Amino acid sequence: MEVDVEHAIIEKKKKKVNVPIYHPHDWCQLVRACSRKFTVVEIEPDDFLDFSVLLKGPLVLRHKDVAGNPFKWHGVQMVRVHCARMWISRIQDLVEQRRNISEVEFEEARHT
């Protein structure tokens, strides 16, 4: 992989300094000390988005895909949202070493 060399540099530095790491900030400091070619960007709690509020409002968590097949969320590797079909997302997971793509609708059913 492209980053194997970088990971090796970090692991070597970690063994050399033998300092316990208790917090993600400690990892940032270690990586900064490894090489000037590394750019460390620390993520703050506000940088994480909470999508759970959408499930309390306009969206519904489904357990069946658009075709009516059972859908399990635990194996999901990627969620792709298309602008034109915003409430129907393509969900990709890896099941039994093959790529499995399902479409899941999140929009709440409208009553007429």
Protein backbone atom coordinates (compact mmCIF):
# COMPACT_ATOMS: atom_id res chain seq x y z
CA MET A 1 0.00 0.00 0.00
CA GLU A 2 0.98 3.60 -0.46
CA VAL A 3 1.05 4.38 3.24
CA ASP A 4 2.97 1.31 4.46
CA VAL A 5 6.22 3.28 4.65
CA GLU A 6 4.56 6.05 6.65
CA HIS A 7 2.99 3.54 9.05
CA ALA A 8 6.38 1.87 9.49
CA ILE A 9 7.97 5.23 10.37
CA ILE A 10 5.29 5.89 13.00
CA GLU A 11 5.58 2.38 14.48
CA LYS A 12 9.37 2.65 14.65
CA LYS A 13 9.14 6.01 16.43
CA LYS A 14 6.55 4.62 18.86
CA LYS A 15 8.87 1.74 19.82
CA LYS A 16 11.84 4.08 20.15
CA VAL A 17 10.23 6.64 22.48
CA ASN A 18 8.29 4.03 24.51
CA VAL A 19 5.77 6.58 25.79
CA PRO A 20 2.26 5.42 26.70
CA ILE A 21 -0.54 6.85 24.58
CA TYR A 22 -3.76 7.54 26.45
CA HIS A 23 -5.45 10.09 24.24
CA PRO A 24 -5.77 10.80 20.48
CA HIS A 25 -3.81 14.02 21.07
CA ASP A 26 -0.85 11.85 22.13
CA TRP A 27 -0.96 10.14 18.72
CA CYS A 28 -0.93 13.54 17.01
CA GLN A 29 2.14 14.56 18.96
CA LEU A 30 3.92 11.30 18.10
CA VAL A 31 3.14 11.61 14.38
CA ARG A 32 4.30 15.24 14.35
CA ALA A 33 7.61 14.12 15.89
CA CYS A 34 8.12 11.43 13.24
CA SER A 35 8.67 13.55 10.16
CA ARG A 36 8.10 17.03 8.78
CA LYS A 37 6.44 15.51 5.73
CA PHE A 38 3.44 14.46 7.85
CA THR A 39 0.61 16.94 8.17
CA VAL A 40 -1.43 16.33 11.30
CA VAL A 41 -4.95 17.72 11.44
CA GLU A 42 -6.61 17.32 14.81
CA ILE A 43 -10.36 16.77 14.68
CA GLU A 44 -12.51 18.47 17.28
CA PRO A 45 -15.77 16.99 18.58
CA ASP A 46 -17.71 19.66 16.66
CA ASP A 47 -16.21 18.33 13.40
CA PHE A 48 -18.28 15.13 13.71
CA LEU A 49 -21.80 15.25 12.30
CA ASP A 50 -24.75 13.71 14.14
CA PHE A 51 -27.17 12.24 11.62
CA SER A 52 -29.34 10.61 14.28
CA VAL A 53 -31.51 13.75 14.48
CA LEU A 54 -32.64 13.03 10.90
CA LEU A 55 -34.09 9.69 12.04
CA LYS A 56 -36.21 11.51 14.63
CA GLY A 57 -37.67 13.79 11.98
CA PRO A 58 -38.01 13.40 8.22
CA LEU A 59 -36.25 10.03 7.78
CA VAL A 60 -36.99 6.44 8.76
CA LEU A 61 -34.36 3.73 9.33
CA ARG A 62 -35.29 0.83 7.04
CA HIS A 63 -34.41 -2.84 7.40
CA LYS A 64 -35.48 -3.78 3.86
CA ASP A 65 -34.11 -2.43 0.60
CA VAL A 66 -36.18 -0.93 -2.23
CA ALA A 67 -36.69 -4.42 -3.73
CA GLY A 68 -38.08 -5.71 -0.41
CA ASN A 69 -35.05 -7.83 0.48
CA PRO A 70 -33.88 -7.93 4.11
CA PHE A 71 -31.05 -5.47 4.74
CA LYS A 72 -28.50 -5.67 7.58
CA TRP A 73 -26.66 -2.49 8.53
CA HIS A 74 -23.74 -4.12 10.38
CA GLY A 75 -21.84 -4.98 7.17
CA VAL A 76 -22.15 -1.58 5.51
CA GLN A 77 -18.89 -0.26 4.04
CA MET A 78 -20.14 2.79 2.12
CA VAL A 79 -23.25 4.96 1.81
CA ARG A 80 -23.64 6.97 -1.40
CA VAL A 81 -26.24 9.74 -1.54
CA HIS A 82 -27.27 11.11 -4.94
CA CYS A 83 -28.66 14.63 -5.18
CA ALA A 84 -31.43 13.69 -7.62
CA ARG A 85 -32.64 10.81 -5.43
CA MET A 86 -31.61 12.16 -2.06
CA TRP A 87 -33.80 9.93 0.10
CA ILE A 88 -32.83 6.71 -1.70
CA SER A 89 -29.21 5.83 -1.02
CA ARG A 90 -27.00 3.15 -2.47
CA ILE A 91 -25.54 1.07 0.32
CA GLN A 92 -22.52 -1.09 -0.34
CA ASP A 93 -21.28 -3.89 1.84
CA LEU A 94 -19.05 -6.90 1.48
CA VAL A 95 -20.81 -10.20 2.00
CA GLU A 96 -19.06 -13.54 1.41
CA GLN A 97 -16.17 -11.87 -0.46
CA ARG A 98 -18.42 -10.33 -3.13
CA ARG A 99 -19.68 -6.81 -3.58
CA ASN A 100 -23.33 -6.41 -2.69
CA ILE A 101 -25.11 -3.14 -3.51
CA SER A 102 -28.60 -2.36 -2.24
CA GLU A 103 -30.79 0.71 -2.48
CA VAL A 104 -32.49 1.77 0.74
CA GLU A 105 -35.21 4.42 0.97
CA PHE A 106 -35.04 6.66 4.04
CA GLU A 107 -37.92 9.04 3.38
CA GLU A 108 -40.90 8.70 5.62
CA ALA A 109 -44.03 7.39 3.88
CA ARG A 110 -46.44 10.22 3.15
CA HIS A 111 -50.08 9.79 4.00
CA THR A 112 -52.58 11.10 1.46
